[in-house]
C-alpha atoms as a PDB file:
ATOM      1  CA  UNK A   1     -21.902   3.588 -31.740  1.00  0.00           C
ATOM      2  CA  UNK A   2     -19.090   1.065 -31.363  1.00  0.00           C
ATOM      3  CA  UNK A   3     -17.025   3.819 -29.761  1.00  0.00           C
ATOM      4  CA  UNK A   4     -19.536   3.772 -26.933  1.00  0.00           C
ATOM      5  CA  UNK A   5     -18.932   0.052 -26.442  1.00  0.00           C
ATOM      6  CA  UNK A   6     -15.227   0.589 -25.992  1.00  0.00           C
ATOM      7  CA  UNK A   7     -15.763   3.555 -23.673  1.00  0.00           C
ATOM      8  CA  UNK A   8     -18.112   1.558 -21.433  1.00  0.00           C
ATOM      9  CA  UNK A   9     -15.686  -1.367 -21.520  1.00  0.00           C
ATOM     10  CA  UNK A  10     -12.811   0.775 -20.232  1.00  0.00           C
ATOM     11  CA  UNK A  11     -15.071   2.001 -17.452  1.00  0.00           C
ATOM     12  CA  UNK A  12     -15.892  -1.562 -16.372  1.00  0.00           C
ATOM     13  CA  UNK A  13     -12.235  -2.606 -16.381  1.00  0.00           C
ATOM     14  CA  UNK A  14     -11.320   0.477 -14.339  1.00  0.00           C
ATOM     15  CA  UNK A  15     -13.987  -0.267 -11.737  1.00  0.00           C
ATOM     16  CA  UNK A  16     -12.808  -3.883 -11.468  1.00  0.00           C
ATOM     17  CA  UNK A  17      -9.267  -2.715 -10.700  1.00  0.00           C
ATOM     18  CA  UNK A  18     -10.569  -0.231  -8.128  1.00  0.00           C
ATOM     19  CA  UNK A  19     -12.585  -3.022  -6.537  1.00  0.00           C
ATOM     20  CA  UNK A  20      -9.455  -5.168  -6.220  1.00  0.00           C
ATOM     21  CA  UNK A  21      -7.788  -2.384  -4.222  1.00  0.00           C
ATOM     22  CA  UNK A  22     -10.839  -1.876  -1.996  1.00  0.00           C
ATOM     23  CA  UNK A  23     -11.191  -5.573  -1.207  1.00  0.00           C
ATOM     24  CA  UNK A  24      -7.499  -5.748  -0.312  1.00  0.00           C
ATOM     25  CA  UNK A  25      -8.041  -2.897   2.132  1.00  0.00           C
ATOM     26  CA  UNK A  26     -10.971  -4.693   3.721  1.00  0.00           C
ATOM     27  CA  UNK A  27      -8.991  -7.932   3.942  1.00  0.00           C
ATOM     28  CA  UNK A  28      -6.311  -6.070   5.932  1.00  0.00           C
ATOM     29  CA  UNK A  29      -8.636  -4.038   8.138  1.00  0.00           C
ATOM     30  CA  UNK A  30      -7.438  -6.029  11.169  1.00  0.00           C
ATOM     31  CA  UNK A  31      -3.758  -6.076  10.189  1.00  0.00           C
ATOM     32  CA  UNK A  32      -1.632  -4.093  12.645  1.00  0.00           C
ATOM     33  CA  UNK A  33       0.065  -1.082  11.080  1.00  0.00           C
ATOM     34  CA  UNK A  34      -1.480  -1.639   7.640  1.00  0.00           C
ATOM     35  CA  UNK A  35      -1.812   1.447   5.435  1.00  0.00           C
ATOM     36  CA  UNK A  36      -4.749   1.522   3.069  1.00  0.00           C
ATOM     37  CA  UNK A  37      -4.416   2.067  -0.660  1.00  0.00           C
ATOM     38  CA  UNK A  38      -6.409   4.248  -3.021  1.00  0.00           C
ATOM     39  CA  UNK A  39      -6.631   4.772  -6.756  1.00  0.00           C
ATOM     40  CA  UNK A  40      -6.848   7.591  -9.260  1.00  0.00           C
ATOM     41  CA  UNK A  41      -8.504   7.464 -12.673  1.00  0.00           C
ATOM     42  CA  UNK A  42      -7.462   9.201 -15.871  1.00  0.00           C
ATOM     43  CA  UNK A  43      -9.064   9.599 -19.248  1.00  0.00           C
ATOM     44  CA  UNK A  44      -7.183   8.135 -22.181  1.00  0.00           C
ATOM     45  CA  UNK A  45      -4.938  10.649 -23.842  1.00  0.00           C
ATOM     46  CA  UNK A  46      -6.230  12.368 -26.949  1.00  0.00           C
ATOM     47  CA  UNK A  47      -3.321  10.942 -28.936  1.00  0.00           C
ATOM     48  CA  UNK A  48      -4.817   7.482 -28.509  1.00  0.00           C
ATOM     49  CA  UNK A  49      -7.814   8.617 -30.521  1.00  0.00           C
ATOM     50  CA  UNK A  50      -5.819   9.519 -33.624  1.00  0.00           C
ATOM     51  CA  UNK A  51      -5.677   7.586 -36.880  1.00  0.00           C
ATOM     52  CA  UNK A  52      -2.199   6.739 -38.080  1.00  0.00           C
ATOM     53  CA  UNK A  53      -0.816   5.771 -41.472  1.00  0.00           C
ATOM     54  CA  UNK A  54      -3.857   7.241 -43.176  1.00  0.00           C
ATOM     55  CA  UNK A  55      -2.736   7.856 -46.762  1.00  0.00           C
ATOM     56  CA  UNK A  56      -5.817   9.947 -47.475  1.00  0.00           C
ATOM     57  CA  UNK A  57      -4.362  12.586 -45.195  1.00  0.00           C
ATOM     58  CA  UNK A  58      -0.790  12.508 -46.511  1.00  0.00           C
ATOM     59  CA  UNK A  59       0.233  10.032 -43.837  1.00  0.00           C
ATOM     60  CA  UNK A  60      -0.247  12.523 -40.997  1.00  0.00           C
ATOM     61  CA  UNK A  61      -2.021  11.730 -37.742  1.00  0.00           C
ATOM     62  CA  UNK A  62      -5.617  12.847 -37.872  1.00  0.00           C
ATOM     63  CA  UNK A  63      -8.173  13.055 -35.085  1.00  0.00           C
ATOM     64  CA  UNK A  64     -10.955  10.510 -35.660  1.00  0.00           C
ATOM     65  CA  UNK A  65     -13.577  12.789 -34.173  1.00  0.00           C
ATOM     66  CA  UNK A  66     -14.811  14.427 -31.015  1.00  0.00           C
ATOM     67  CA  UNK A  67     -15.455  11.527 -28.646  1.00  0.00           C
ATOM     68  CA  UNK A  68     -15.075  10.445 -25.060  1.00  0.00           C
ATOM     69  CA  UNK A  69     -11.767   8.622 -24.901  1.00  0.00           C
ATOM     70  CA  UNK A  70     -12.588   6.250 -22.057  1.00  0.00           C
ATOM     71  CA  UNK A  71     -10.910   5.861 -18.669  1.00  0.00           C
ATOM     72  CA  UNK A  72      -8.062   3.881 -17.170  1.00  0.00           C
ATOM     73  CA  UNK A  73      -6.474   3.461 -13.754  1.00  0.00           C
ATOM     74  CA  UNK A  74      -4.012   6.265 -13.179  1.00  0.00           C
ATOM     75  CA  UNK A  75      -2.075   5.026 -10.159  1.00  0.00           C
ATOM     76  CA  UNK A  76      -2.420   3.158  -6.908  1.00  0.00           C
ATOM     77  CA  UNK A  77      -1.216   5.166  -3.928  1.00  0.00           C
ATOM     78  CA  UNK A  78      -0.770   4.459  -0.225  1.00  0.00           C
ATOM     79  CA  UNK A  79      -2.342   6.542   2.533  1.00  0.00           C
ATOM     80  CA  UNK A  80       0.297   6.774   5.280  1.00  0.00           C
ATOM     81  CA  UNK A  81      -1.915   8.443   7.870  1.00  0.00           C
ATOM     82  CA  UNK A  82      -1.773   6.901  11.332  1.00  0.00           C
ATOM     83  CA  UNK A  83      -4.264   4.355  12.557  1.00  0.00           C
ATOM     84  CA  UNK A  84      -5.714   4.369  16.054  1.00  0.00           C
ATOM     85  CA  UNK A  85      -3.812   2.951  19.023  1.00  0.00           C
ATOM     86  CA  UNK A  86      -4.904  -0.196  20.820  1.00  0.00           C
ATOM     87  CA  UNK A  87      -3.651  -0.438  24.406  1.00  0.00           C
ATOM     88  CA  UNK A  88      -2.412  -3.970  25.146  1.00  0.00           C
ATOM     89  CA  UNK A  89      -0.133  -3.375  28.181  1.00  0.00           C
ATOM     90  CA  UNK A  90       2.149  -5.961  26.593  1.00  0.00           C
ATOM     91  CA  UNK A  91       5.801  -4.973  27.081  1.00  0.00           C
ATOM     92  CA  UNK A  92       6.732  -6.254  23.619  1.00  0.00           C
ATOM     93  CA  UNK A  93       4.019  -4.320  21.766  1.00  0.00           C
ATOM     94  CA  UNK A  94       5.026  -0.965  20.298  1.00  0.00           C
ATOM     95  CA  UNK A  95       3.368   1.785  18.291  1.00  0.00           C
ATOM     96  CA  UNK A  96       4.781   4.832  16.515  1.00  0.00           C
ATOM     97  CA  UNK A  97       3.160   8.150  17.350  1.00  0.00           C
ATOM     98  CA  UNK A  98       3.782  10.324  14.298  1.00  0.00           C
ATOM     99  CA  UNK A  99       6.063   9.538  11.389  1.00  0.00           C
ATOM    100  CA  UNK A 100       8.533   6.678  11.471  1.00  0.00           C
ATOM    101  CA  UNK A 101       9.103   2.984  10.835  1.00  0.00           C
ATOM    102  CA  UNK A 102      10.707   0.142  12.740  1.00  0.00           C
ATOM    103  CA  UNK A 103      13.635  -1.497  10.949  1.00  0.00           C
ATOM    104  CA  UNK A 104      13.618  -5.276  10.527  1.00  0.00           C
ATOM    105  CA  UNK A 105      16.422  -7.692   9.567  1.00  0.00           C
ATOM    106  CA  UNK A 106      14.415  -9.688   7.039  1.00  0.00           C
ATOM    107  CA  UNK A 107      15.590 -13.033   5.708  1.00  0.00           C
ATOM    108  CA  UNK A 108      13.971 -14.380   2.535  1.00  0.00           C
ATOM    109  CA  UNK A 109      13.475 -18.027   1.573  1.00  0.00           C
ATOM    110  CA  UNK A 110      16.892 -18.100  -0.090  1.00  0.00           C
ATOM    111  CA  UNK A 111      18.538 -17.017   3.161  1.00  0.00           C
ATOM    112  CA  UNK A 112      19.383 -13.527   1.881  1.00  0.00           C
ATOM    113  CA  UNK A 113      19.262 -10.871   4.604  1.00  0.00           C
ATOM    114  CA  UNK A 114      18.075  -7.326   3.956  1.00  0.00           C
ATOM    115  CA  UNK A 115      16.573  -4.436   5.885  1.00  0.00           C
ATOM    116  CA  UNK A 116      12.828  -3.876   5.613  1.00  0.00           C
ATOM    117  CA  UNK A 117      10.580  -1.463   7.463  1.00  0.00           C
ATOM    118  CA  UNK A 118       7.223  -1.782   9.176  1.00  0.00           C
ATOM    119  CA  UNK A 119       4.669   0.020  11.338  1.00  0.00           C
ATOM    120  CA  UNK A 120       3.570  -3.269  12.878  1.00  0.00           C
ATOM    121  CA  UNK A 121       5.085  -3.291  16.360  1.00  0.00           C
ATOM    122  CA  UNK A 122       3.635  -6.594  17.603  1.00  0.00           C
ATOM    123  CA  UNK A 123       6.982  -8.075  18.603  1.00  0.00           C
ATOM    124  CA  UNK A 124       8.013 -10.881  20.957  1.00  0.00           C
ATOM    125  CA  UNK A 125      11.195 -11.768  22.847  1.00  0.00           C
ATOM    126  CA  UNK A 126      12.553 -15.174  21.905  1.00  0.00           C
ATOM    127  CA  UNK A 127      14.381 -17.616  24.192  1.00  0.00           C
ATOM    128  CA  UNK A 128      17.742 -15.987  23.383  1.00  0.00           C
ATOM    129  CA  UNK A 129      16.483 -12.557  24.363  1.00  0.00           C
ATOM    130  CA  UNK A 130      16.208 -11.116  20.856  1.00  0.00           C
ATOM    131  CA  UNK A 131      13.261  -8.904  19.967  1.00  0.00           C
ATOM    132  CA  UNK A 132      11.681 -10.394  16.867  1.00  0.00           C
ATOM    133  CA  UNK A 133       8.550 -10.137  14.755  1.00  0.00           C
ATOM    134  CA  UNK A 134       5.826 -12.775  14.812  1.00  0.00           C
ATOM    135  CA  UNK A 135       7.598 -14.317  11.799  1.00  0.00           C
ATOM    136  CA  UNK A 136      10.905 -14.522  13.650  1.00  0.00           C
ATOM    137  CA  UNK A 137      12.730 -11.656  11.908  1.00  0.00           C
ATOM    138  CA  UNK A 138      14.960  -9.597  14.190  1.00  0.00           C
ATOM    139  CA  UNK A 139      14.239  -6.001  15.145  1.00  0.00           C
ATOM    140  CA  UNK A 140      17.202  -3.684  14.503  1.00  0.00           C
ATOM    141  CA  UNK A 141      18.711  -1.073  16.781  1.00  0.00           C
ATOM    142  CA  UNK A 142      19.249   2.527  15.701  1.00  0.00           C
ATOM    143  CA  UNK A 143      22.657   1.827  14.173  1.00  0.00           C
ATOM    144  CA  UNK A 144      21.331  -0.989  12.029  1.00  0.00           C
ATOM    145  CA  UNK A 145      18.275   1.037  11.003  1.00  0.00           C
ATOM    146  CA  UNK A 146      20.201   4.141   9.932  1.00  0.00           C
ATOM    147  CA  UNK A 147      22.957   2.219   8.142  1.00  0.00           C
ATOM    148  CA  UNK A 148      20.621  -0.484   6.783  1.00  0.00           C
ATOM    149  CA  UNK A 149      22.884  -3.108   8.317  1.00  0.00           C
ATOM    150  CA  UNK A 150      21.001  -6.344   9.072  1.00  0.00           C
ATOM    151  CA  UNK A 151      23.968  -7.987  10.793  1.00  0.00           C
ATOM    152  CA  UNK A 152      23.567  -9.826  14.148  1.00  0.00           C
ATOM    153  CA  UNK A 153      25.544  -7.095  15.929  1.00  0.00           C
ATOM    154  CA  UNK A 154      22.599  -4.736  15.334  1.00  0.00           C
ATOM    155  CA  UNK A 155      19.825  -7.022  16.560  1.00  0.00           C
ATOM    156  CA  UNK A 156      17.935  -5.748  19.620  1.00  0.00           C
ATOM    157  CA  UNK A 157      18.598  -8.005  22.608  1.00  0.00           C
ATOM    158  CA  UNK A 158      17.477  -7.926  26.230  1.00  0.00           C
ATOM    159  CA  UNK A 159      17.625 -10.211  29.255  1.00  0.00           C
ATOM    160  CA  UNK A 160      14.585 -12.459  28.701  1.00  0.00           C
ATOM    161  CA  UNK A 161      14.277 -13.154  32.448  1.00  0.00           C
ATOM    162  CA  UNK A 162      13.718  -9.505  33.373  1.00  0.00           C
ATOM    163  CA  UNK A 163      11.212  -6.816  32.448  1.00  0.00           C
ATOM    164  CA  UNK A 164      12.365  -3.967  30.267  1.00  0.00           C
ATOM    165  CA  UNK A 165      11.145  -0.475  29.493  1.00  0.00           C
ATOM    166  CA  UNK A 166      11.437   1.517  26.288  1.00  0.00           C
ATOM    167  CA  UNK A 167      11.136   5.306  26.326  1.00  0.00           C
ATOM    168  CA  UNK A 168       9.782   7.523  23.565  1.00  0.00           C
ATOM    169  CA  UNK A 169      13.222   7.906  21.978  1.00  0.00           C
ATOM    170  CA  UNK A 170      13.707   4.163  21.723  1.00  0.00           C
ATOM    171  CA  UNK A 171      16.196   3.681  24.592  1.00  0.00           C
ATOM    172  CA  UNK A 172      15.807   0.276  26.270  1.00  0.00           C
ATOM    173  CA  UNK A 173      16.193   0.098  30.042  1.00  0.00           C
ATOM    174  CA  UNK A 174      16.753  -2.866  32.342  1.00  0.00           C
ATOM    175  CA  UNK A 175      17.703  -2.430  35.998  1.00  0.00           C
ATOM    176  CA  UNK A 176      17.626   1.345  35.401  1.00  0.00           C
ATOM    177  CA  UNK A 177      20.408   1.046  32.847  1.00  0.00           C
ATOM    178  CA  UNK A 178      20.363   1.580  29.082  1.00  0.00           C
ATOM    179  CA  UNK A 179      20.959  -1.788  27.444  1.00  0.00           C
ATOM    180  CA  UNK A 180      20.181  -0.884  23.829  1.00  0.00           C
ATOM    181  CA  UNK A 181      18.043   1.085  21.422  1.00  0.00           C
ATOM    182  CA  UNK A 182      15.190   0.405  19.038  1.00  0.00           C
ATOM    183  CA  UNK A 183      15.680   1.697  15.534  1.00  0.00           C
ATOM    184  CA  UNK A 184      13.063   4.215  14.424  1.00  0.00           C
ATOM    185  CA  UNK A 185      13.675   5.989  11.117  1.00  0.00           C
ATOM    186  CA  UNK A 186      11.756   7.848   8.458  1.00  0.00           C
ATOM    187  CA  UNK A 187      12.206   8.639   4.763  1.00  0.00           C
ATOM    188  CA  UNK A 188      12.856  11.911   2.988  1.00  0.00           C
ATOM    189  CA  UNK A 189      10.376  11.013   0.233  1.00  0.00           C
ATOM    190  CA  UNK A 190       7.706   8.330   0.568  1.00  0.00           C
ATOM    191  CA  UNK A 191       7.687   7.906  -3.207  1.00  0.00           C
ATOM    192  CA  UNK A 192      10.831   5.830  -2.716  1.00  0.00           C
ATOM    193  CA  UNK A 193       9.263   3.158  -0.527  1.00  0.00           C
ATOM    194  CA  UNK A 194       7.113   0.297  -1.744  1.00  0.00           C
ATOM    195  CA  UNK A 195       5.078  -2.444  -0.141  1.00  0.00           C
ATOM    196  CA  UNK A 196       7.137  -5.611  -0.083  1.00  0.00           C
ATOM    197  CA  UNK A 197       4.569  -7.979   1.394  1.00  0.00           C
ATOM    198  CA  UNK A 198       4.222  -9.564   4.843  1.00  0.00           C
ATOM    199  CA  UNK A 199       3.341  -6.081   6.173  1.00  0.00           C
ATOM    200  CA  UNK A 200       6.835  -4.806   5.308  1.00  0.00           C
ATOM    201  CA  UNK A 201       8.117  -1.914   3.215  1.00  0.00           C
ATOM    202  CA  UNK A 202      11.194  -1.788   1.023  1.00  0.00           C
ATOM    203  CA  UNK A 203      13.338   1.278   0.341  1.00  0.00           C
ATOM    204  CA  UNK A 204      14.023   1.473  -3.398  1.00  0.00           C
ATOM    205  CA  UNK A 205      17.079   2.959  -5.092  1.00  0.00           C
ATOM    206  CA  UNK A 206      17.266   6.707  -4.598  1.00  0.00           C
ATOM    207  CA  UNK A 207      15.480   6.651  -1.249  1.00  0.00           C
ATOM    208  CA  UNK A 208      17.032   8.449   1.702  1.00  0.00           C
ATOM    209  CA  UNK A 209      16.706   7.536   5.381  1.00  0.00           C
ATOM    210  CA  UNK A 210      16.226  10.452   7.783  1.00  0.00           C
ATOM    211  CA  UNK A 211      15.667  10.828  11.507  1.00  0.00           C
ATOM    212  CA  UNK A 212      12.068  10.123  12.453  1.00  0.00           C
ATOM    213  CA  UNK A 213      10.130  12.833  14.260  1.00  0.00           C
ATOM    214  CA  UNK A 214       7.747  10.258  15.710  1.00  0.00           C
ATOM    215  CA  UNK A 215       8.039   8.638  19.115  1.00  0.00           C
ATOM    216  CA  UNK A 216       7.660   5.086  20.423  1.00  0.00           C
ATOM    217  CA  UNK A 217       4.799   4.013  22.656  1.00  0.00           C
ATOM    218  CA  UNK A 218       5.317   0.801  24.613  1.00  0.00           C
ATOM    219  CA  UNK A 219       2.315  -1.319  25.540  1.00  0.00           C
ATOM    220  CA  UNK A 220       0.326  -0.073  22.548  1.00  0.00           C
ATOM    221  CA  UNK A 221      -0.086  -1.199  18.998  1.00  0.00           C
ATOM    222  CA  UNK A 222      -1.245   0.673  15.911  1.00  0.00           C
ATOM    223  CA  UNK A 223      -4.259  -0.699  14.102  1.00  0.00           C
ATOM    224  CA  UNK A 224      -4.790  -0.267  10.368  1.00  0.00           C
ATOM    225  CA  UNK A 225      -6.043   3.074   9.061  1.00  0.00           C
ATOM    226  CA  UNK A 226      -8.779   1.348   7.067  1.00  0.00           C
ATOM    227  CA  UNK A 227     -12.271   2.662   7.838  1.00  0.00           C
ATOM    228  CA  UNK A 228     -14.502  -0.299   7.074  1.00  0.00           C
ATOM    229  CA  UNK A 229     -17.662   1.786   6.650  1.00  0.00           C
ATOM    230  CA  UNK A 230     -15.944   4.119   4.165  1.00  0.00           C
ATOM    231  CA  UNK A 231     -14.590   1.183   2.186  1.00  0.00           C
ATOM    232  CA  UNK A 232     -18.037  -0.435   2.040  1.00  0.00           C
ATOM    233  CA  UNK A 233     -19.540   2.827   0.756  1.00  0.00           C
ATOM    234  CA  UNK A 234     -16.804   3.020  -1.887  1.00  0.00           C
ATOM    235  CA  UNK A 235     -17.520  -0.576  -2.914  1.00  0.00           C
ATOM    236  CA  UNK A 236     -21.212   0.229  -3.394  1.00  0.00           C
ATOM    237  CA  UNK A 237     -20.258   3.246  -5.524  1.00  0.00           C
ATOM    238  CA  UNK A 238     -17.951   1.066  -7.628  1.00  0.00           C
ATOM    239  CA  UNK A 239     -20.669  -1.557  -8.058  1.00  0.00           C
ATOM    240  CA  UNK A 240     -23.189   1.019  -9.254  1.00  0.00           C
ATOM    241  CA  UNK A 241     -20.700   2.526 -11.709  1.00  0.00           C
ATOM    242  CA  UNK A 242     -19.947  -0.965 -13.045  1.00  0.00           C
ATOM    243  CA  UNK A 243     -23.664  -1.704 -13.474  1.00  0.00           C
ATOM    244  CA  UNK A 244     -24.171   1.619 -15.267  1.00  0.00           C
ATOM    245  CA  UNK A 245     -21.505   0.688 -17.803  1.00  0.00           C
ATOM    246  CA  UNK A 246     -23.114  -2.735 -18.191  1.00  0.00           C
ATOM    247  CA  UNK A 247     -26.424  -1.077 -19.050  1.00  0.00           C
ATOM    248  CA  UNK A 248     -24.689   1.119 -21.634  1.00  0.00           C
ATOM    249  CA  UNK A 249     -23.210  -1.940 -23.340  1.00  0.00           C
ATOM    250  CA  UNK A 250     -26.565  -3.764 -23.237  1.00  0.00           C
ATOM    251  CA  UNK A 251     -28.353  -0.747 -24.718  1.00  0.00           C
ATOM    252  CA  UNK A 252     -25.836  -0.336 -27.542  1.00  0.00           C
ATOM    253  CA  UNK A 253     -25.910  -4.078 -28.227  1.00  0.00           C
ATOM    254  CA  UNK A 254     -29.700  -4.010 -28.581  1.00  0.00           C
ATOM    255  CA  UNK A 255     -29.467  -1.008 -30.915  1.00  0.00           C
ATOM    256  CA  UNK A 256     -26.882  -2.777 -33.058  1.00  0.00           C
ATOM    257  CA  UNK A 257     -29.109  -5.849 -33.213  1.00  0.00           C
ATOM    258  CA  UNK A 258     -31.992  -3.731 -34.537  1.00  0.00           C
ATOM    259  CA  UNK A 259     -29.688  -2.042 -37.045  1.00  0.00           C
ATOM    260  CA  UNK A 260     -28.347  -5.343 -38.383  1.00  0.00           C
ATOM    261  CA  UNK A 261     -31.441  -7.561 -38.300  1.00  0.00           C
ATOM    262  CA  UNK A 262     -34.196  -5.087 -39.138  1.00  0.00           C
ATOM    263  CA  UNK A 263     -32.920  -1.943 -40.800  1.00  0.00           C
ATOM    264  CA  UNK A 264     -30.364  -3.969 -42.728  1.00  0.00           C
ATOM    265  CA  UNK A 265     -33.179  -5.964 -44.416  1.00  0.00           C
ATOM    266  CA  UNK A 266     -34.737  -2.894 -46.016  1.00  0.00           C
END
């Protein structure tokens, strides 16, 4: 009977963790380039339901019975499918059609520079002519993106007094001349990238940068791939599963109360 309490408890904890992921998706539904997260659930391994150091069985592990082992969160994964495009006609807004990420020269609070990656192409041109993010981090050209070199020599720069055009390959034109490139790269295995925060991704050790097969769209921006209606439906499902486990615990608790206070008196 107490086994049922623990099983229901693991179910409630699992649903709470799933809810945290869903609410984070909803909170970023309006974040440009955001990629939603999902979760998987696993049952506890059978080995966790073994007795150990049981001298009655010569000290060998012994199964404590045929039971449901409970559930736990398996992993949290990221859905990298593209969001829809929002046409802004702003020359400094960019979207990636297909696979690929913009490279950013990110500077942390300690002043350490590193290369991060993003799908959020809502950039601006500062007074010096550099293309930067809304947080002021510089956008890198193709050389800086491929080599992961965040140095000033690889920052994208244009003449701030003139219009500029960017083609699908990332070449920047002013006065019908190529004045630079925008770095667009991809990764051989997405298992080697992680969310860093601030809508940026970090390439972890072992990750490999490859040429992106996507293309750049100027005057557009990619919205998040979060479907609010789907997330709300998932939240309702999670809530009902949580309530079901609550009822199981309440039912077992009432049965234990009867067993202790009434049957135990006989």
